C-alpha cells in the first residue's frame, strides 16, 4: 500500500493547478517569469488577507 501525501488545502490547490499544462518550461523565459510573478502576487495577497490584525 502506498501512502498518499497529505497537503494543506492551499498547497493542494497549488499542486493541482500546476499539474496540468501549460507547464512553466513550456512558456519560455518571459512567460514563466510572468506566471511566477502572478503566483507570488496571489500568495502575497492571500497572506495579507489572512493576517488582519
PDB file of N, CA and C in Angstrom:
ATOM      1  N   UNK A   1       0.846  -1.185   0.000  1.00  0.00           N
ATOM      2  CA  UNK A   1       0.000   0.000   0.000  1.00  0.00           C
ATOM      3  C   UNK A   1       0.890   1.247   0.000  1.00  0.00           C
ATOM      4  N   UNK A   2       0.601   2.166  -0.889  1.00  0.00           N
ATOM      5  CA  UNK A   2       1.373   3.403  -0.999  1.00  0.00           C
ATOM      6  C   UNK A   2       0.633   4.515  -0.282  1.00  0.00           C
ATOM      7  N   UNK A   3       1.348   5.239   0.579  1.00  0.00           N
ATOM      8  CA  UNK A   3       0.740   6.364   1.283  1.00  0.00           C
ATOM      9  C   UNK A   3       0.691   7.577   0.377  1.00  0.00           C
ATOM     10  N   UNK A   4      -0.471   8.224   0.312  1.00  0.00           N
ATOM     11  CA  UNK A   4      -0.589   9.469  -0.445  1.00  0.00           C
ATOM     12  C   UNK A   4      -0.145  10.622   0.442  1.00  0.00           C
ATOM     13  N   UNK A   5       0.577  11.586  -0.116  1.00  0.00           N
ATOM     14  CA  UNK A   5       0.960  12.742   0.700  1.00  0.00           C
ATOM     15  C   UNK A   5      -0.272  13.560   1.072  1.00  0.00           C
ATOM     16  N   UNK A   6      -0.235  14.116   2.264  1.00  0.00           N
ATOM     17  CA  UNK A   6      -1.327  14.957   2.737  1.00  0.00           C
ATOM     18  C   UNK A   6      -0.819  16.393   2.755  1.00  0.00           C
ATOM     19  N   UNK A   7      -1.487  17.270   1.985  1.00  0.00           N
ATOM     20  CA  UNK A   7      -1.086  18.666   1.895  1.00  0.00           C
ATOM     21  C   UNK A   7      -2.132  19.565   2.535  1.00  0.00           C
ATOM     22  N   UNK A   8      -1.703  20.726   3.000  1.00  0.00           N
ATOM     23  CA  UNK A   8      -2.664  21.730   3.439  1.00  0.00           C
ATOM     24  C   UNK A   8      -3.501  22.109   2.225  1.00  0.00           C
ATOM     25  N   UNK A   9      -4.685  22.627   2.445  1.00  0.00           N
ATOM     26  CA  UNK A   9      -5.596  22.902   1.338  1.00  0.00           C
ATOM     27  C   UNK A   9      -4.996  23.842   0.297  1.00  0.00           C
ATOM     28  N   UNK A  10      -4.307  24.894   0.719  1.00  0.00           N
ATOM     29  CA  UNK A  10      -3.713  25.830  -0.238  1.00  0.00           C
ATOM     30  C   UNK A  10      -2.608  25.161  -1.040  1.00  0.00           C
ATOM     31  N   UNK A  11      -1.806  24.329  -0.390  1.00  0.00           N
ATOM     32  CA  UNK A  11      -0.742  23.620  -1.092  1.00  0.00           C
ATOM     33  C   UNK A  11      -1.326  22.617  -2.076  1.00  0.00           C
ATOM     34  N   UNK A  12      -2.406  21.970  -1.685  1.00  0.00           N
ATOM     35  CA  UNK A  12      -3.077  21.032  -2.581  1.00  0.00           C
ATOM     36  C   UNK A  12      -3.643  21.726  -3.805  1.00  0.00           C
ATOM     37  N   UNK A  13      -4.241  22.904  -3.605  1.00  0.00           N
ATOM     38  CA  UNK A  13      -4.775  23.668  -4.732  1.00  0.00           C
ATOM     39  C   UNK A  13      -3.657  24.078  -5.683  1.00  0.00           C
ATOM     40  N   UNK A  14      -2.526  24.510  -5.130  1.00  0.00           N
ATOM     41  CA  UNK A  14      -1.388  24.895  -5.960  1.00  0.00           C
ATOM     42  C   UNK A  14      -0.871  23.694  -6.747  1.00  0.00           C
ATOM     43  N   UNK A  15      -0.757  22.556  -6.079  1.00  0.00           N
ATOM     44  CA  UNK A  15      -0.270  21.352  -6.760  1.00  0.00           C
ATOM     45  C   UNK A  15      -1.208  20.947  -7.890  1.00  0.00           C
ATOM     46  N   UNK A  16      -2.514  21.018  -7.662  1.00  0.00           N
ATOM     47  CA  UNK A  16      -3.482  20.680  -8.718  1.00  0.00           C
ATOM     48  C   UNK A  16      -3.403  21.671  -9.870  1.00  0.00           C
ATOM     49  N   UNK A  17      -3.236  22.953  -9.553  1.00  0.00           N
ATOM     50  CA  UNK A  17      -3.160  23.972 -10.599  1.00  0.00           C
ATOM     51  C   UNK A  17      -1.903  23.809 -11.446  1.00  0.00           C
ATOM     52  N   UNK A  18      -0.817  23.377 -10.827  1.00  0.00           N
ATOM     53  CA  UNK A  18       0.454  23.236 -11.540  1.00  0.00           C
ATOM     54  C   UNK A  18       0.582  21.877 -12.243  1.00  0.00           C
ATOM     55  N   UNK A  19      -0.385  20.986 -12.048  1.00  0.00           N
ATOM     56  CA  UNK A  19      -0.290  19.629 -12.590  1.00  0.00           C
ATOM     57  C   UNK A  19      -0.758  19.520 -14.037  1.00  0.00           C
ATOM     58  N   UNK A  20      -1.323  20.572 -14.577  1.00  0.00           N
ATOM     59  CA  UNK A  20      -1.811  20.500 -15.951  1.00  0.00           C
ATOM     60  C   UNK A  20      -1.171  21.595 -16.800  1.00  0.00           C
ATOM     61  N   UNK A  21      -1.065  21.355 -18.098  1.00  0.00           N
ATOM     62  CA  UNK A  21      -0.422  22.324 -18.994  1.00  0.00           C
ATOM     63  C   UNK A  21      -1.148  23.659 -19.005  1.00  0.00           C
ATOM     64  N   UNK A  22      -0.478  24.719 -19.355  1.00  0.00           N
ATOM     65  CA  UNK A  22       0.930  24.772 -19.764  1.00  0.00           C
ATOM     66  C   UNK A  22       1.852  24.733 -18.548  1.00  0.00           C
ATOM     67  N   UNK A  23       2.947  24.018 -18.697  1.00  0.00           N
ATOM     68  CA  UNK A  23       3.955  23.942 -17.655  1.00  0.00           C
ATOM     69  C   UNK A  23       4.927  25.100 -17.818  1.00  0.00           C
ATOM     70  N   UNK A  24       5.592  25.486 -16.741  1.00  0.00           N
ATOM     71  CA  UNK A  24       6.495  26.639 -16.803  1.00  0.00           C
ATOM     72  C   UNK A  24       7.537  26.500 -17.908  1.00  0.00           C
ATOM     73  N   UNK A  25       8.088  25.311 -18.074  1.00  0.00           N
ATOM     74  CA  UNK A  25       9.126  25.142 -19.102  1.00  0.00           C
ATOM     75  C   UNK A  25       8.578  25.299 -20.518  1.00  0.00           C
ATOM     76  N   UNK A  26       7.261  25.203 -20.679  1.00  0.00           N
ATOM     77  CA  UNK A  26       6.640  25.373 -21.993  1.00  0.00           C
ATOM     78  C   UNK A  26       6.367  26.840 -22.316  1.00  0.00           C
ATOM     79  N   UNK A  27       6.442  27.703 -21.330  1.00  0.00           N
ATOM     80  CA  UNK A  27       6.087  29.102 -21.510  1.00  0.00           C
ATOM     81  C   UNK A  27       7.237  29.968 -21.994  1.00  0.00           C
ATOM     82  N   UNK A  28       8.444  29.454 -21.948  1.00  0.00           N
ATOM     83  CA  UNK A  28       9.600  30.274 -22.289  1.00  0.00           C
ATOM     84  C   UNK A  28       9.959  31.164 -21.115  1.00  0.00           C
ATOM     85  N   UNK A  29      11.128  31.802 -21.176  1.00  0.00           N
ATOM     86  CA  UNK A  29      11.593  32.606 -20.036  1.00  0.00           C
ATOM     87  C   UNK A  29      10.637  33.729 -19.643  1.00  0.00           C
ATOM     88  N   UNK A  30      10.156  34.502 -20.608  1.00  0.00           N
ATOM     89  CA  UNK A  30       9.289  35.643 -20.279  1.00  0.00           C
ATOM     90  C   UNK A  30       7.946  35.169 -19.720  1.00  0.00           C
ATOM     91  N   UNK A  31       7.359  34.159 -20.360  1.00  0.00           N
ATOM     92  CA  UNK A  31       6.077  33.643 -19.892  1.00  0.00           C
ATOM     93  C   UNK A  31       6.174  33.007 -18.519  1.00  0.00           C
ATOM     94  N   UNK A  32       7.256  32.254 -18.288  1.00  0.00           N
ATOM     95  CA  UNK A  32       7.450  31.620 -16.979  1.00  0.00           C
ATOM     96  C   UNK A  32       7.669  32.669 -15.897  1.00  0.00           C
ATOM     97  N   UNK A  33       8.433  33.717 -16.215  1.00  0.00           N
ATOM     98  CA  UNK A  33       8.638  34.794 -15.246  1.00  0.00           C
ATOM     99  C   UNK A  33       7.324  35.483 -14.916  1.00  0.00           C
ATOM    100  N   UNK A  34       6.496  35.737 -15.927  1.00  0.00           N
ATOM    101  CA  UNK A  34       5.206  36.387 -15.699  1.00  0.00           C
ATOM    102  C   UNK A  34       4.285  35.491 -14.860  1.00  0.00           C
ATOM    103  N   UNK A  35       4.268  34.202 -15.163  1.00  0.00           N
ATOM    104  CA  UNK A  35       3.419  33.274 -14.407  1.00  0.00           C
ATOM    105  C   UNK A  35       3.880  33.174 -12.962  1.00  0.00           C
ATOM    106  N   UNK A  36       5.187  33.116 -12.748  1.00  0.00           N
ATOM    107  CA  UNK A  36       5.729  33.039 -11.393  1.00  0.00           C
ATOM    108  C   UNK A  36       5.427  34.324 -10.616  1.00  0.00           C
ATOM    109  N   UNK A  37       5.576  35.469 -11.258  1.00  0.00           N
ATOM    110  CA  UNK A  37       5.271  36.744 -10.595  1.00  0.00           C
ATOM    111  C   UNK A  37       3.789  36.820 -10.217  1.00  0.00           C
ATOM    112  N   UNK A  38       2.920  36.353 -11.111  1.00  0.00           N
ATOM    113  CA  UNK A  38       1.480  36.368 -10.816  1.00  0.00           C
ATOM    114  C   UNK A  38       1.161  35.448  -9.643  1.00  0.00           C
ATOM    115  N   UNK A  39       1.799  34.290  -9.589  1.00  0.00           N
ATOM    116  CA  UNK A  39       1.571  33.358  -8.487  1.00  0.00           C
ATOM    117  C   UNK A  39       2.065  33.958  -7.174  1.00  0.00           C
ATOM    118  N   UNK A  40       3.235  34.582  -7.198  1.00  0.00           N
ATOM    119  CA  UNK A  40       3.768  35.200  -5.984  1.00  0.00           C
ATOM    120  C   UNK A  40       2.880  36.346  -5.513  1.00  0.00           C
ATOM    121  N   UNK A  41       2.322  37.118  -6.448  1.00  0.00           N
ATOM    122  CA  UNK A  41       1.418  38.203  -6.080  1.00  0.00           C
ATOM    123  C   UNK A  41       0.148  37.656  -5.437  1.00  0.00           C
ATOM    124  N   UNK A  42      -0.367  36.559  -5.985  1.00  0.00           N
ATOM    125  CA  UNK A  42      -1.568  35.943  -5.411  1.00  0.00           C
ATOM    126  C   UNK A  42      -1.300  35.441  -3.997  1.00  0.00           C
ATOM    127  N   UNK A  43      -0.137  34.845  -3.779  1.00  0.00           N
ATOM    128  CA  UNK A  43       0.226  34.355  -2.449  1.00  0.00           C
ATOM    129  C   UNK A  43       0.354  35.522  -1.468  1.00  0.00           C
ATOM    130  N   UNK A  44       0.999  36.602  -1.903  1.00  0.00           N
ATOM    131  CA  UNK A  44       1.151  37.782  -1.056  1.00  0.00           C
ATOM    132  C   UNK A  44      -0.200  38.376  -0.691  1.00  0.00           C
ATOM    133  N   UNK A  45      -1.097  38.455  -1.665  1.00  0.00           N
ATOM    134  CA  UNK A  45      -2.434  38.995  -1.406  1.00  0.00           C
ATOM    135  C   UNK A  45      -3.200  38.115  -0.426  1.00  0.00           C
ATOM    136  N   UNK A  46      -3.081  36.811  -0.586  1.00  0.00           N
ATOM    137  CA  UNK A  46      -3.759  35.885   0.316  1.00  0.00           C
ATOM    138  C   UNK A  46      -3.219  36.017   1.729  1.00  0.00           C
ATOM    139  N   UNK A  47      -1.902  36.096   1.854  1.00  0.00           N
ATOM    140  CA  UNK A  47      -1.314  36.278   3.187  1.00  0.00           C
ATOM    141  C   UNK A  47      -1.790  37.566   3.836  1.00  0.00           C
ATOM    142  N   UNK A  48      -1.852  38.646   3.049  1.00  0.00           N
ATOM    143  CA  UNK A  48      -2.323  39.916   3.588  1.00  0.00           C
ATOM    144  C   UNK A  48      -3.758  39.819   4.064  1.00  0.00           C
ATOM    145  N   UNK A  49      -4.588  39.118   3.310  1.00  0.00           N
ATOM    146  CA  UNK A  49      -5.996  38.965   3.677  1.00  0.00           C
ATOM    147  C   UNK A  49      -6.159  38.125   4.934  1.00  0.00           C
ATOM    148  N   UNK A  50      -5.294  37.146   5.109  1.00  0.00           N
ATOM    149  CA  UNK A  50      -5.399  36.256   6.266  1.00  0.00           C
ATOM    150  C   UNK A  50      -4.841  36.875   7.544  1.00  0.00           C
ATOM    151  N   UNK A  51      -3.920  37.805   7.418  1.00  0.00           N
ATOM    152  CA  UNK A  51      -3.276  38.411   8.585  1.00  0.00           C
ATOM    153  C   UNK A  51      -3.885  39.784   8.883  1.00  0.00           C
ATOM    154  N   UNK A  52      -5.130  39.753   9.274  1.00  0.00           N
ATOM    155  CA  UNK A  52      -5.781  41.015   9.657  1.00  0.00           C
ATOM    156  C   UNK A  52      -5.596  41.189  11.154  1.00  0.00           C
ATOM    157  N   UNK A  53      -4.844  42.186  11.531  1.00  0.00           N
ATOM    158  CA  UNK A  53      -4.543  42.427  12.954  1.00  0.00           C
ATOM    159  C   UNK A  53      -5.591  43.301  13.581  1.00  0.00           C
TER     160      UNK A  53
END
